[in-house]
Amino acid sequence: MGSKSNAGAASVGVCYGTSGDNLPPASAAVGMLRENGFTVVRLYWPDGEALAALGGSGIKVVVGAPNEVLTTLASGAPAAAAWVRDNIQAHPTVAFRYVVVGNEVPVGQTQFLVPAMENVHAALAAAGLGHVKVTTAISQGTIAVHLPPSAGEFTEEARSFMGYVVSFLARTRAPLLANLYPYFVYTLGLGHLGMDFALFTAPETVVQDGEYGYQNLFDATVDALYAAVGKLGVAGGDRVRVVVSETGWPTAGGAAASVENARTYNQNLVTHVWKGTPRRPRRVEAYVFAMFNEDQKEAGVEQNWGLFYPNMERVYPITFGA
């Protein structure tokens, strides 16, 4: 299996995207996941080759039902049952953790989101797979206010559908997935708070929010989302856990993007998630974006989030266990 780069399991998961024409075969990528101690991986779509390689590996899988199938899944129970049969039941040795219905769903499609989630949830239950939670992944852009975290609230656009989403998640005891990037919050508006606040390297509290002190932007962003969920006033909404389904830092292609900053952010993330946030001091489930640099993404920072190059070499040294 190759030598492990750390003694135990990784404290974070990783997002395995495939928007590249030079990536290693899925079997090799799954071997890399095992060698580096990853126990959970996020796939953006039910990639048959990747799922075949993950079968029997013991690695838990978060799999996407992508935006392009939303309208189909929302159309009725038969369509959702067919999707579950072809993409989940067809891989009985894969340890599925969540089905993520839609990723950063554009506003014109949000009316299909909860109906699709309801149908997939029912189809999984009917297939004897009710332990696989159904959720969706929202973007950083749904949060209108980040600081102070207690002022966190959704945009008006997001409020039009997030109440229904949170109500579904509370009822089914599923988490809310969110793609949260302190990199973008820092480069697009909060740079005055300092790079160390974004990279987990601030020596003391930077933002005091009532009784809570914030030393890093990651905690502030997660807690701002908790505050935004709370303001929806959904029954049971306070029990919905936030999972950070994407976070990371680019190594090139934009402001503050460098190998050193990416290494600092991701290494500190790995050791920090165990502590939780000031408002929720329990481990944060988080997924580093991304496994590989992907050359078919938009030019610039989008191509430079990888922990590994397509030739399977590390972009920088990092230990994934806390």
C-alpha atoms as a PDB file:
ATOM      1  CA  MET A   1       0.000   0.000   0.000  1.00  0.00           C
ATOM      2  CA  GLY A   2       2.996   2.337   0.277  1.00  0.00           C
ATOM      3  CA  SER A   3       4.236   4.151   3.322  1.00  0.00           C
ATOM      4  CA  LYS A   4       1.778   6.266   5.246  1.00  0.00           C
ATOM      5  CA  SER A   5       2.624   9.941   5.468  1.00  0.00           C
ATOM      6  CA  ASN A   6       1.115  10.163   8.930  1.00  0.00           C
ATOM      7  CA  ALA A   7       0.495   7.814  11.802  1.00  0.00           C
ATOM      8  CA  GLY A   8      -3.286   7.865  11.815  1.00  0.00           C
ATOM      9  CA  ALA A   9      -6.379   8.933   9.967  1.00  0.00           C
ATOM     10  CA  ALA A  10      -6.618  12.327   8.337  1.00  0.00           C
ATOM     11  CA  SER A  11      -8.662  14.790  10.378  1.00  0.00           C
ATOM     12  CA  VAL A  12     -10.138  16.247   7.190  1.00  0.00           C
ATOM     13  CA  GLY A  13     -11.660  14.808   4.029  1.00  0.00           C
ATOM     14  CA  VAL A  14     -10.715  15.803   0.499  1.00  0.00           C
ATOM     15  CA  CYS A  15     -12.650  16.864  -2.601  1.00  0.00           C
ATOM     16  CA  TYR A  16     -11.745  14.684  -5.577  1.00  0.00           C
ATOM     17  CA  GLY A  17     -12.625  16.663  -8.690  1.00  0.00           C
ATOM     18  CA  THR A  18     -11.960  15.355 -12.172  1.00  0.00           C
ATOM     19  CA  SER A  19     -11.879  18.485 -14.380  1.00  0.00           C
ATOM     20  CA  GLY A  20      -8.519  17.606 -15.868  1.00  0.00           C
ATOM     21  CA  ASP A  21      -7.294  15.800 -18.979  1.00  0.00           C
ATOM     22  CA  ASN A  22      -4.080  14.580 -17.332  1.00  0.00           C
ATOM     23  CA  LEU A  23      -5.275  13.094 -14.032  1.00  0.00           C
ATOM     24  CA  PRO A  24      -4.223   9.634 -12.835  1.00  0.00           C
ATOM     25  CA  PRO A  25      -6.723   6.776 -13.095  1.00  0.00           C
ATOM     26  CA  ALA A  26      -9.226   6.544 -10.257  1.00  0.00           C
ATOM     27  CA  SER A  27      -7.615   3.376  -8.899  1.00  0.00           C
ATOM     28  CA  ALA A  28      -4.335   5.283  -8.418  1.00  0.00           C
ATOM     29  CA  ALA A  29      -6.132   8.240  -6.840  1.00  0.00           C
ATOM     30  CA  VAL A  30      -7.890   5.944  -4.350  1.00  0.00           C
ATOM     31  CA  GLY A  31      -4.507   4.399  -3.516  1.00  0.00           C
ATOM     32  CA  MET A  32      -3.271   7.922  -2.722  1.00  0.00           C
ATOM     33  CA  LEU A  33      -6.267   8.538  -0.457  1.00  0.00           C
ATOM     34  CA  ARG A  34      -5.426   5.391   1.509  1.00  0.00           C
ATOM     35  CA  GLU A  35      -1.703   6.143   1.722  1.00  0.00           C
ATOM     36  CA  ASN A  36      -2.419   9.598   3.113  1.00  0.00           C
ATOM     37  CA  GLY A  37      -4.884   8.405   5.742  1.00  0.00           C
ATOM     38  CA  PHE A  38      -8.042   9.920   4.233  1.00  0.00           C
ATOM     39  CA  THR A  39     -11.141   8.168   5.540  1.00  0.00           C
ATOM     40  CA  VAL A  40     -13.695  10.225   3.600  1.00  0.00           C
ATOM     41  CA  VAL A  41     -13.787  11.726   0.098  1.00  0.00           C
ATOM     42  CA  ARG A  42     -16.183  14.005  -1.752  1.00  0.00           C
ATOM     43  CA  LEU A  43     -17.104  13.251  -5.386  1.00  0.00           C
ATOM     44  CA  TYR A  44     -19.080  15.801  -7.388  1.00  0.00           C
ATOM     45  CA  TRP A  45     -20.937  13.215  -9.434  1.00  0.00           C
ATOM     46  CA  PRO A  46     -21.355   9.410  -9.286  1.00  0.00           C
ATOM     47  CA  ASP A  47     -18.226   8.662 -11.331  1.00  0.00           C
ATOM     48  CA  GLY A  48     -18.432   4.917 -12.019  1.00  0.00           C
ATOM     49  CA  GLU A  49     -14.663   4.435 -12.249  1.00  0.00           C
ATOM     50  CA  ALA A  50     -14.048   6.220  -8.938  1.00  0.00           C
ATOM     51  CA  LEU A  51     -16.901   4.381  -7.190  1.00  0.00           C
ATOM     52  CA  ALA A  52     -15.587   1.032  -8.442  1.00  0.00           C
ATOM     53  CA  ALA A  53     -12.163   1.867  -6.999  1.00  0.00           C
ATOM     54  CA  LEU A  54     -13.666   3.036  -3.700  1.00  0.00           C
ATOM     55  CA  GLY A  55     -15.760  -0.124  -3.260  1.00  0.00           C
ATOM     56  CA  GLY A  56     -14.495  -2.149  -0.313  1.00  0.00           C
ATOM     57  CA  SER A  57     -11.831   0.447   0.531  1.00  0.00           C
ATOM     58  CA  GLY A  58     -13.478   1.496   3.802  1.00  0.00           C
ATOM     59  CA  ILE A  59     -13.286   5.124   2.651  1.00  0.00           C
ATOM     60  CA  LYS A  60     -16.614   6.884   3.181  1.00  0.00           C
ATOM     61  CA  VAL A  61     -18.001   8.664   0.127  1.00  0.00           C
ATOM     62  CA  VAL A  62     -19.899  11.932  -0.167  1.00  0.00           C
ATOM     63  CA  VAL A  63     -21.404  11.857  -3.648  1.00  0.00           C
ATOM     64  CA  GLY A  64     -23.095  14.591  -5.642  1.00  0.00           C
ATOM     65  CA  ALA A  65     -26.320  14.492  -7.608  1.00  0.00           C
ATOM     66  CA  PRO A  66     -25.210  17.377  -9.840  1.00  0.00           C
ATOM     67  CA  ASN A  67     -27.237  20.453 -10.720  1.00  0.00           C
ATOM     68  CA  GLU A  68     -28.057  19.144 -14.187  1.00  0.00           C
ATOM     69  CA  VAL A  69     -30.162  16.307 -12.737  1.00  0.00           C
ATOM     70  CA  LEU A  70     -32.102  18.494 -10.284  1.00  0.00           C
ATOM     71  CA  THR A  71     -35.181  18.975 -12.452  1.00  0.00           C
ATOM     72  CA  THR A  72     -35.288  15.243 -13.207  1.00  0.00           C
ATOM     73  CA  LEU A  73     -35.004  14.284  -9.543  1.00  0.00           C
ATOM     74  CA  ALA A  74     -37.679  16.829  -8.613  1.00  0.00           C
ATOM     75  CA  SER A  75     -40.051  15.484 -11.259  1.00  0.00           C
ATOM     76  CA  GLY A  76     -41.220  12.519  -9.207  1.00  0.00           C
ATOM     77  CA  ALA A  77     -40.493   9.392  -7.225  1.00  0.00           C
ATOM     78  CA  PRO A  78     -39.769   7.123 -10.238  1.00  0.00           C
ATOM     79  CA  ALA A  79     -36.955   9.373 -11.520  1.00  0.00           C
ATOM     80  CA  ALA A  80     -35.346   9.575  -8.075  1.00  0.00           C
ATOM     81  CA  ALA A  81     -35.686   5.809  -7.581  1.00  0.00           C
ATOM     82  CA  ALA A  82     -33.985   5.201 -10.941  1.00  0.00           C
ATOM     83  CA  TRP A  83     -31.137   7.575 -10.054  1.00  0.00           C
ATOM     84  CA  VAL A  84     -30.607   5.879  -6.673  1.00  0.00           C
ATOM     85  CA  ARG A  85     -30.706   2.438  -8.296  1.00  0.00           C
ATOM     86  CA  ASP A  86     -28.189   3.328 -11.017  1.00  0.00           C
ATOM     87  CA  ASN A  87     -25.773   5.377  -8.918  1.00  0.00           C
ATOM     88  CA  ILE A  88     -26.046   4.212  -5.298  1.00  0.00           C
ATOM     89  CA  GLN A  89     -27.508   0.696  -5.207  1.00  0.00           C
ATOM     90  CA  ALA A  90     -25.275  -0.240  -8.165  1.00  0.00           C
ATOM     91  CA  HIS A  91     -22.271   0.138  -5.812  1.00  0.00           C
ATOM     92  CA  PRO A  92     -23.152  -2.036  -2.797  1.00  0.00           C
ATOM     93  CA  THR A  93     -19.559  -2.149  -1.460  1.00  0.00           C
ATOM     94  CA  VAL A  94     -19.200   1.655  -1.348  1.00  0.00           C
ATOM     95  CA  ALA A  95     -19.687   3.253   2.082  1.00  0.00           C
ATOM     96  CA  PHE A  96     -21.866   6.215   1.120  1.00  0.00           C
ATOM     97  CA  ARG A  97     -22.067   8.982   3.740  1.00  0.00           C
ATOM     98  CA  TYR A  98     -24.133  11.735   2.101  1.00  0.00           C
ATOM     99  CA  VAL A  99     -25.842  12.335  -1.216  1.00  0.00           C
ATOM    100  CA  VAL A 100     -25.375  16.015  -2.014  1.00  0.00           C
ATOM    101  CA  VAL A 101     -28.304  17.123  -4.163  1.00  0.00           C
ATOM    102  CA  GLY A 102     -27.047  20.172  -6.050  1.00  0.00           C
ATOM    103  CA  ASN A 103     -23.848  22.130  -5.503  1.00  0.00           C
ATOM    104  CA  GLU A 104     -24.197  25.914  -5.211  1.00  0.00           C
ATOM    105  CA  VAL A 105     -27.523  25.675  -7.048  1.00  0.00           C
ATOM    106  CA  PRO A 106     -28.119  28.773  -9.210  1.00  0.00           C
ATOM    107  CA  VAL A 107     -31.093  30.912  -8.279  1.00  0.00           C
ATOM    108  CA  GLY A 108     -33.163  29.893 -11.311  1.00  0.00           C
ATOM    109  CA  GLN A 109     -33.132  26.267 -10.131  1.00  0.00           C
ATOM    110  CA  THR A 110     -33.649  26.587  -6.381  1.00  0.00           C
ATOM    111  CA  GLN A 111     -37.372  25.783  -6.620  1.00  0.00           C
ATOM    112  CA  PHE A 112     -36.392  22.220  -7.630  1.00  0.00           C
ATOM    113  CA  LEU A 113     -33.969  21.738  -4.749  1.00  0.00           C
ATOM    114  CA  VAL A 114     -36.142  20.592  -1.834  1.00  0.00           C
ATOM    115  CA  PRO A 115     -38.496  18.484  -4.019  1.00  0.00           C
ATOM    116  CA  ALA A 116     -35.408  16.708  -5.422  1.00  0.00           C
ATOM    117  CA  MET A 117     -33.997  16.202  -1.906  1.00  0.00           C
ATOM    118  CA  GLU A 118     -37.339  14.824  -0.686  1.00  0.00           C
ATOM    119  CA  ASN A 119     -37.539  12.373  -3.593  1.00  0.00           C
ATOM    120  CA  VAL A 120     -33.953  11.129  -3.180  1.00  0.00           C
ATOM    121  CA  HIS A 121     -34.466  10.765   0.577  1.00  0.00           C
ATOM    122  CA  ALA A 122     -37.595   8.662  -0.016  1.00  0.00           C
ATOM    123  CA  ALA A 123     -35.843   6.570  -2.697  1.00  0.00           C
ATOM    124  CA  LEU A 124     -32.908   5.809  -0.395  1.00  0.00           C
ATOM    125  CA  ALA A 125     -35.283   4.827   2.417  1.00  0.00           C
ATOM    126  CA  ALA A 126     -37.228   2.549   0.065  1.00  0.00           C
ATOM    127  CA  ALA A 127     -33.953   0.912  -1.004  1.00  0.00           C
ATOM    128  CA  GLY A 128     -33.006   0.189   2.618  1.00  0.00           C
ATOM    129  CA  LEU A 129     -30.378   2.941   2.565  1.00  0.00           C
ATOM    130  CA  GLY A 130     -32.005   5.371   4.961  1.00  0.00           C
ATOM    131  CA  HIS A 131     -28.691   5.779   6.840  1.00  0.00           C
ATOM    132  CA  VAL A 132     -27.310   7.744   3.863  1.00  0.00           C
ATOM    133  CA  LYS A 133     -28.167  11.365   4.596  1.00  0.00           C
ATOM    134  CA  VAL A 134     -29.441  13.695   1.862  1.00  0.00           C
ATOM    135  CA  THR A 135     -28.261  17.295   1.835  1.00  0.00           C
ATOM    136  CA  THR A 136     -27.114  20.100  -0.478  1.00  0.00           C
ATOM    137  CA  ALA A 137     -23.998  22.270  -0.647  1.00  0.00           C
ATOM    138  CA  ILE A 138     -24.414  26.052  -0.548  1.00  0.00           C
ATOM    139  CA  SER A 139     -21.892  28.685  -1.571  1.00  0.00           C
ATOM    140  CA  GLN A 140     -20.093  31.307   0.458  1.00  0.00           C
ATOM    141  CA  GLY A 141     -22.129  33.833  -1.535  1.00  0.00           C
ATOM    142  CA  THR A 142     -25.358  32.885   0.250  1.00  0.00           C
ATOM    143  CA  ILE A 143     -24.026  34.630   3.382  1.00  0.00           C
ATOM    144  CA  ALA A 144     -24.564  38.398   3.200  1.00  0.00           C
ATOM    145  CA  VAL A 145     -22.789  39.358   6.441  1.00  0.00           C
ATOM    146  CA  HIS A 146     -19.742  37.565   7.887  1.00  0.00           C
ATOM    147  CA  LEU A 147     -18.543  39.850  10.681  1.00  0.00           C
ATOM    148  CA  PRO A 148     -19.186  39.958  13.468  1.00  0.00           C
ATOM    149  CA  PRO A 149     -20.405  36.348  13.283  1.00  0.00           C
ATOM    150  CA  SER A 150     -23.474  37.123  15.416  1.00  0.00           C
ATOM    151  CA  ALA A 151     -24.613  39.450  12.593  1.00  0.00           C
ATOM    152  CA  GLY A 152     -24.388  36.599  10.069  1.00  0.00           C
ATOM    153  CA  GLU A 153     -27.397  36.418   7.782  1.00  0.00           C
ATOM    154  CA  PHE A 154     -28.352  35.042   4.396  1.00  0.00           C
ATOM    155  CA  THR A 155     -28.820  37.184   1.333  1.00  0.00           C
ATOM    156  CA  GLU A 156     -32.418  37.962   0.442  1.00  0.00           C
ATOM    157  CA  GLU A 157     -32.085  35.583  -2.506  1.00  0.00           C
ATOM    158  CA  ALA A 158     -30.872  32.756  -0.265  1.00  0.00           C
ATOM    159  CA  ARG A 159     -33.605  33.378   2.311  1.00  0.00           C
ATOM    160  CA  SER A 160     -36.190  32.591  -0.387  1.00  0.00           C
ATOM    161  CA  PHE A 161     -35.231  28.891  -0.277  1.00  0.00           C
ATOM    162  CA  MET A 162     -32.952  28.240   2.704  1.00  0.00           C
ATOM    163  CA  GLY A 163     -35.849  27.999   5.171  1.00  0.00           C
ATOM    164  CA  TYR A 164     -37.225  25.027   3.237  1.00  0.00           C
ATOM    165  CA  VAL A 165     -33.751  23.454   3.018  1.00  0.00           C
ATOM    166  CA  VAL A 166     -33.058  23.817   6.753  1.00  0.00           C
ATOM    167  CA  SER A 167     -36.534  22.506   7.611  1.00  0.00           C
ATOM    168  CA  PHE A 168     -35.834  19.355   5.549  1.00  0.00           C
ATOM    169  CA  LEU A 169     -32.395  18.908   7.153  1.00  0.00           C
ATOM    170  CA  ALA A 170     -33.769  19.362  10.675  1.00  0.00           C
ATOM    171  CA  ARG A 171     -36.523  16.808  10.047  1.00  0.00           C
ATOM    172  CA  THR A 172     -34.171  14.210   8.514  1.00  0.00           C
ATOM    173  CA  ARG A 173     -31.269  14.943  10.912  1.00  0.00           C
ATOM    174  CA  ALA A 174     -28.896  15.716   8.083  1.00  0.00           C
ATOM    175  CA  PRO A 175     -26.154  18.356   8.109  1.00  0.00           C
ATOM    176  CA  LEU A 176     -25.965  21.482   5.951  1.00  0.00           C
ATOM    177  CA  LEU A 177     -22.965  21.456   3.620  1.00  0.00           C
ATOM    178  CA  ALA A 178     -21.299  24.771   2.802  1.00  0.00           C
ATOM    179  CA  ASN A 179     -18.354  25.632   0.575  1.00  0.00           C
ATOM    180  CA  LEU A 180     -16.558  28.196   2.747  1.00  0.00           C
ATOM    181  CA  TYR A 181     -13.402  29.966   1.618  1.00  0.00           C
ATOM    182  CA  PRO A 182     -11.683  32.440   3.952  1.00  0.00           C
ATOM    183  CA  TYR A 183      -9.414  33.071   0.935  1.00  0.00           C
ATOM    184  CA  PHE A 184     -12.257  34.758  -0.957  1.00  0.00           C
ATOM    185  CA  VAL A 185     -13.625  36.569   2.106  1.00  0.00           C
ATOM    186  CA  TYR A 186     -10.099  37.921   2.707  1.00  0.00           C
ATOM    187  CA  THR A 187      -9.247  38.881  -0.889  1.00  0.00           C
ATOM    188  CA  LEU A 188     -12.694  40.289  -1.704  1.00  0.00           C
ATOM    189  CA  GLY A 189     -13.246  42.545   1.259  1.00  0.00           C
ATOM    190  CA  LEU A 190     -11.794  41.703   4.639  1.00  0.00           C
ATOM    191  CA  GLY A 191      -8.107  42.097   3.809  1.00  0.00           C
ATOM    192  CA  HIS A 192      -7.834  44.938   6.319  1.00  0.00           C
ATOM    193  CA  LEU A 193      -8.081  42.341   9.105  1.00  0.00           C
ATOM    194  CA  GLY A 194      -4.725  40.897   8.072  1.00  0.00           C
ATOM    195  CA  MET A 195      -3.425  37.815   6.353  1.00  0.00           C
ATOM    196  CA  ASP A 196      -2.715  36.125   9.692  1.00  0.00           C
ATOM    197  CA  PHE A 197      -6.448  36.189  10.526  1.00  0.00           C
ATOM    198  CA  ALA A 198      -7.116  34.316   7.262  1.00  0.00           C
ATOM    199  CA  LEU A 199      -4.256  31.807   7.681  1.00  0.00           C
ATOM    200  CA  PHE A 200      -4.926  30.774  11.326  1.00  0.00           C
ATOM    201  CA  THR A 201      -1.671  32.477  12.401  1.00  0.00           C
ATOM    202  CA  ALA A 202      -3.003  35.476  14.354  1.00  0.00           C
ATOM    203  CA  PRO A 203      -1.407  35.410  17.835  1.00  0.00           C
ATOM    204  CA  GLU A 204      -4.499  36.710  19.618  1.00  0.00           C
ATOM    205  CA  THR A 205      -8.175  37.594  19.206  1.00  0.00           C
ATOM    206  CA  VAL A 206      -8.829  39.765  16.130  1.00  0.00           C
ATOM    207  CA  VAL A 207     -12.627  40.044  16.321  1.00  0.00           C
ATOM    208  CA  GLN A 208     -14.457  40.146  19.645  1.00  0.00           C
ATOM    209  CA  ASP A 209     -18.135  39.264  19.283  1.00  0.00           C
ATOM    210  CA  GLY A 210     -19.857  39.505  22.633  1.00  0.00           C
ATOM    211  CA  GLU A 211     -18.495  36.679  24.776  1.00  0.00           C
ATOM    212  CA  TYR A 212     -16.776  35.030  21.801  1.00  0.00           C
ATOM    213  CA  GLY A 213     -13.281  35.888  20.603  1.00  0.00           C
ATOM    214  CA  TYR A 214     -12.198  35.019  17.041  1.00  0.00           C
ATOM    215  CA  GLN A 215      -8.575  34.381  16.129  1.00  0.00           C
ATOM    216  CA  ASN A 216      -9.266  33.177  12.590  1.00  0.00           C
ATOM    217  CA  LEU A 217     -11.608  33.804   9.694  1.00  0.00           C
ATOM    218  CA  PHE A 218     -12.555  30.132   9.284  1.00  0.00           C
ATOM    219  CA  ASP A 219     -14.257  30.025  12.694  1.00  0.00           C
ATOM    220  CA  ALA A 220     -15.885  33.399  12.063  1.00  0.00           C
ATOM    221  CA  THR A 221     -17.300  32.236   8.722  1.00  0.00           C
ATOM    222  CA  VAL A 222     -18.672  28.965  10.124  1.00  0.00           C
ATOM    223  CA  ASP A 223     -20.284  30.739  13.069  1.00  0.00           C
ATOM    224  CA  ALA A 224     -21.724  33.441  10.782  1.00  0.00           C
ATOM    225  CA  LEU A 225     -23.471  30.614   8.906  1.00  0.00           C
ATOM    226  CA  TYR A 226     -24.818  29.188  12.175  1.00  0.00           C
ATOM    227  CA  ALA A 227     -26.136  32.659  13.024  1.00  0.00           C
ATOM    228  CA  ALA A 228     -27.744  32.973   9.579  1.00  0.00           C
ATOM    229  CA  VAL A 229     -29.448  29.576   9.973  1.00  0.00           C
ATOM    230  CA  GLY A 230     -30.717  30.622  13.413  1.00  0.00           C
ATOM    231  CA  LYS A 231     -32.305  33.771  11.990  1.00  0.00           C
ATOM    232  CA  LEU A 232     -34.462  31.704   9.625  1.00  0.00           C
ATOM    233  CA  GLY A 233     -36.491  30.720  12.700  1.00  0.00           C
ATOM    234  CA  VAL A 234     -36.987  27.141  11.516  1.00  0.00           C
ATOM    235  CA  ALA A 235     -38.103  24.658  14.182  1.00  0.00           C
ATOM    236  CA  GLY A 236     -35.099  22.477  15.012  1.00  0.00           C
ATOM    237  CA  GLY A 237     -32.807  24.598  12.855  1.00  0.00           C
ATOM    238  CA  ASP A 238     -30.433  25.101  15.764  1.00  0.00           C
ATOM    239  CA  ARG A 239     -29.713  21.348  15.696  1.00  0.00           C
ATOM    240  CA  VAL A 240     -28.573  21.351  12.057  1.00  0.00           C
ATOM    241  CA  ARG A 241     -24.808  20.856  11.938  1.00  0.00           C
ATOM    242  CA  VAL A 242     -22.667  22.742   9.426  1.00  0.00           C
ATOM    243  CA  VAL A 243     -20.204  20.640   7.405  1.00  0.00           C
ATOM    244  CA  VAL A 244     -17.548  22.598   5.503  1.00  0.00           C
ATOM    245  CA  SER A 245     -17.779  20.714   2.215  1.00  0.00           C
ATOM    246  CA  GLU A 246     -15.020  22.732   0.516  1.00  0.00           C
ATOM    247  CA  THR A 247     -12.253  24.932   1.869  1.00  0.00           C
ATOM    248  CA  GLY A 248      -8.682  25.565   0.867  1.00  0.00           C
ATOM    249  CA  TRP A 249      -6.204  28.100  -0.494  1.00  0.00           C
ATOM    250  CA  PRO A 250      -4.799  28.477  -4.025  1.00  0.00           C
ATOM    251  CA  THR A 251      -1.086  28.193  -4.775  1.00  0.00           C
ATOM    252  CA  ALA A 252      -1.035  30.503  -7.812  1.00  0.00           C
ATOM    253  CA  GLY A 253      -3.134  32.610 -10.162  1.00  0.00           C
ATOM    254  CA  GLY A 254      -4.416  35.421  -7.952  1.00  0.00           C
ATOM    255  CA  ALA A 255      -3.967  37.802  -5.032  1.00  0.00           C
ATOM    256  CA  ALA A 256      -2.319  36.216  -1.968  1.00  0.00           C
ATOM    257  CA  ALA A 257      -2.166  32.870  -3.819  1.00  0.00           C
ATOM    258  CA  SER A 258       1.140  31.129  -3.077  1.00  0.00           C
ATOM    259  CA  VAL A 259       2.460  27.700  -2.201  1.00  0.00           C
ATOM    260  CA  GLU A 260       3.514  28.958   1.239  1.00  0.00           C
ATOM    261  CA  ASN A 261       0.099  30.481   2.037  1.00  0.00           C
ATOM    262  CA  ALA A 262      -1.708  27.348   0.817  1.00  0.00           C
ATOM    263  CA  ARG A 263       0.511  25.098   2.912  1.00  0.00           C
ATOM    264  CA  THR A 264       0.030  27.316   5.981  1.00  0.00           C
ATOM    265  CA  TYR A 265      -3.756  27.463   5.598  1.00  0.00           C
ATOM    266  CA  ASN A 266      -4.338  23.778   4.942  1.00  0.00           C
ATOM    267  CA  GLN A 267      -1.867  22.515   7.555  1.00  0.00           C
ATOM    268  CA  ASN A 268      -3.420  24.790  10.173  1.00  0.00           C
ATOM    269  CA  LEU A 269      -6.912  23.710   9.075  1.00  0.00           C
ATOM    270  CA  VAL A 270      -5.994  20.053   9.654  1.00  0.00           C
ATOM    271  CA  THR A 271      -4.864  20.737  13.229  1.00  0.00           C
ATOM    272  CA  HIS A 272      -7.639  23.237  13.979  1.00  0.00           C
ATOM    273  CA  VAL A 273     -10.831  21.376  13.023  1.00  0.00           C
ATOM    274  CA  TRP A 274     -10.652  19.225  16.172  1.00  0.00           C
ATOM    275  CA  LYS A 275     -11.231  22.311  18.318  1.00  0.00           C
ATOM    276  CA  GLY A 276     -14.486  23.421  16.719  1.00  0.00           C
ATOM    277  CA  THR A 277     -15.531  27.062  16.729  1.00  0.00           C
ATOM    278  CA  PRO A 278     -16.171  29.473  19.617  1.00  0.00           C
ATOM    279  CA  ARG A 279     -19.945  28.950  19.308  1.00  0.00           C
ATOM    280  CA  ARG A 280     -19.759  25.222  18.552  1.00  0.00           C
ATOM    281  CA  PRO A 281     -16.675  23.781  20.287  1.00  0.00           C
ATOM    282  CA  ARG A 282     -17.033  20.348  18.704  1.00  0.00           C
ATOM    283  CA  ARG A 283     -14.982  19.005  15.823  1.00  0.00           C
ATOM    284  CA  VAL A 284     -15.826  20.576  12.463  1.00  0.00           C
ATOM    285  CA  GLU A 285     -16.233  18.094   9.614  1.00  0.00           C
ATOM    286  CA  ALA A 286     -14.305  19.690   6.732  1.00  0.00           C
ATOM    287  CA  TYR A 287     -13.135  18.786   3.234  1.00  0.00           C
ATOM    288  CA  VAL A 288     -10.048  20.288   1.626  1.00  0.00           C
ATOM    289  CA  PHE A 289     -10.470  21.511  -1.928  1.00  0.00           C
ATOM    290  CA  ALA A 290      -8.958  19.892  -3.855  1.00  0.00           C
ATOM    291  CA  MET A 291      -7.069  16.682  -4.389  1.00  0.00           C
ATOM    292  CA  PHE A 292      -5.510  17.677  -7.722  1.00  0.00           C
ATOM    293  CA  ASN A 293      -4.756  20.774  -9.736  1.00  0.00           C
ATOM    294  CA  GLU A 294      -7.365  20.579 -12.525  1.00  0.00           C
ATOM    295  CA  ASP A 295      -6.310  22.054 -15.871  1.00  0.00           C
ATOM    296  CA  GLN A 296      -9.801  22.168 -17.379  1.00  0.00           C
ATOM    297  CA  LYS A 297     -11.027  24.636 -14.776  1.00  0.00           C
ATOM    298  CA  GLU A 298     -11.145  28.359 -15.549  1.00  0.00           C
ATOM    299  CA  ALA A 299      -7.634  29.858 -15.882  1.00  0.00           C
ATOM    300  CA  GLY A 300      -6.248  31.566 -12.768  1.00  0.00           C
ATOM    301  CA  VAL A 301      -6.788  30.519  -9.173  1.00  0.00           C
ATOM    302  CA  GLU A 302      -9.390  27.895 -10.184  1.00  0.00           C
ATOM    303  CA  GLN A 303      -6.645  25.645 -11.596  1.00  0.00           C
ATOM    304  CA  ASN A 304      -4.406  25.871  -8.550  1.00  0.00           C
ATOM    305  CA  TRP A 305      -6.117  24.450  -5.452  1.00  0.00           C
ATOM    306  CA  GLY A 306      -4.597  20.968  -5.535  1.00  0.00           C
ATOM    307  CA  LEU A 307      -2.762  19.173  -2.768  1.00  0.00           C
ATOM    308  CA  PHE A 308      -1.211  17.069  -5.537  1.00  0.00           C
ATOM    309  CA  TYR A 309      -0.088  17.609  -9.106  1.00  0.00           C
ATOM    310  CA  PRO A 310      -1.647  15.327 -11.733  1.00  0.00           C
ATOM    311  CA  ASN A 311       1.646  13.349 -11.720  1.00  0.00           C
ATOM    312  CA  MET A 312       0.741  12.431  -8.104  1.00  0.00           C
ATOM    313  CA  GLU A 313       3.569  14.470  -6.549  1.00  0.00           C
ATOM    314  CA  ARG A 314       2.705  16.714  -3.598  1.00  0.00           C
ATOM    315  CA  VAL A 315       2.423  20.423  -4.329  1.00  0.00           C
ATOM    316  CA  TYR A 316       3.864  21.099  -0.852  1.00  0.00           C
ATOM    317  CA  PRO A 317       4.656  19.050   2.260  1.00  0.00           C
ATOM    318  CA  ILE A 318       1.661  18.557   4.541  1.00  0.00           C
ATOM    319  CA  THR A 319       0.594  16.058   7.202  1.00  0.00           C
ATOM    320  CA  PHE A 320      -3.124  15.292   7.117  1.00  0.00           C
ATOM    321  CA  GLY A 321      -3.410  13.892  10.646  1.00  0.00           C
ATOM    322  CA  ALA A 322      -3.788  16.384  13.484  1.00  0.00           C
END
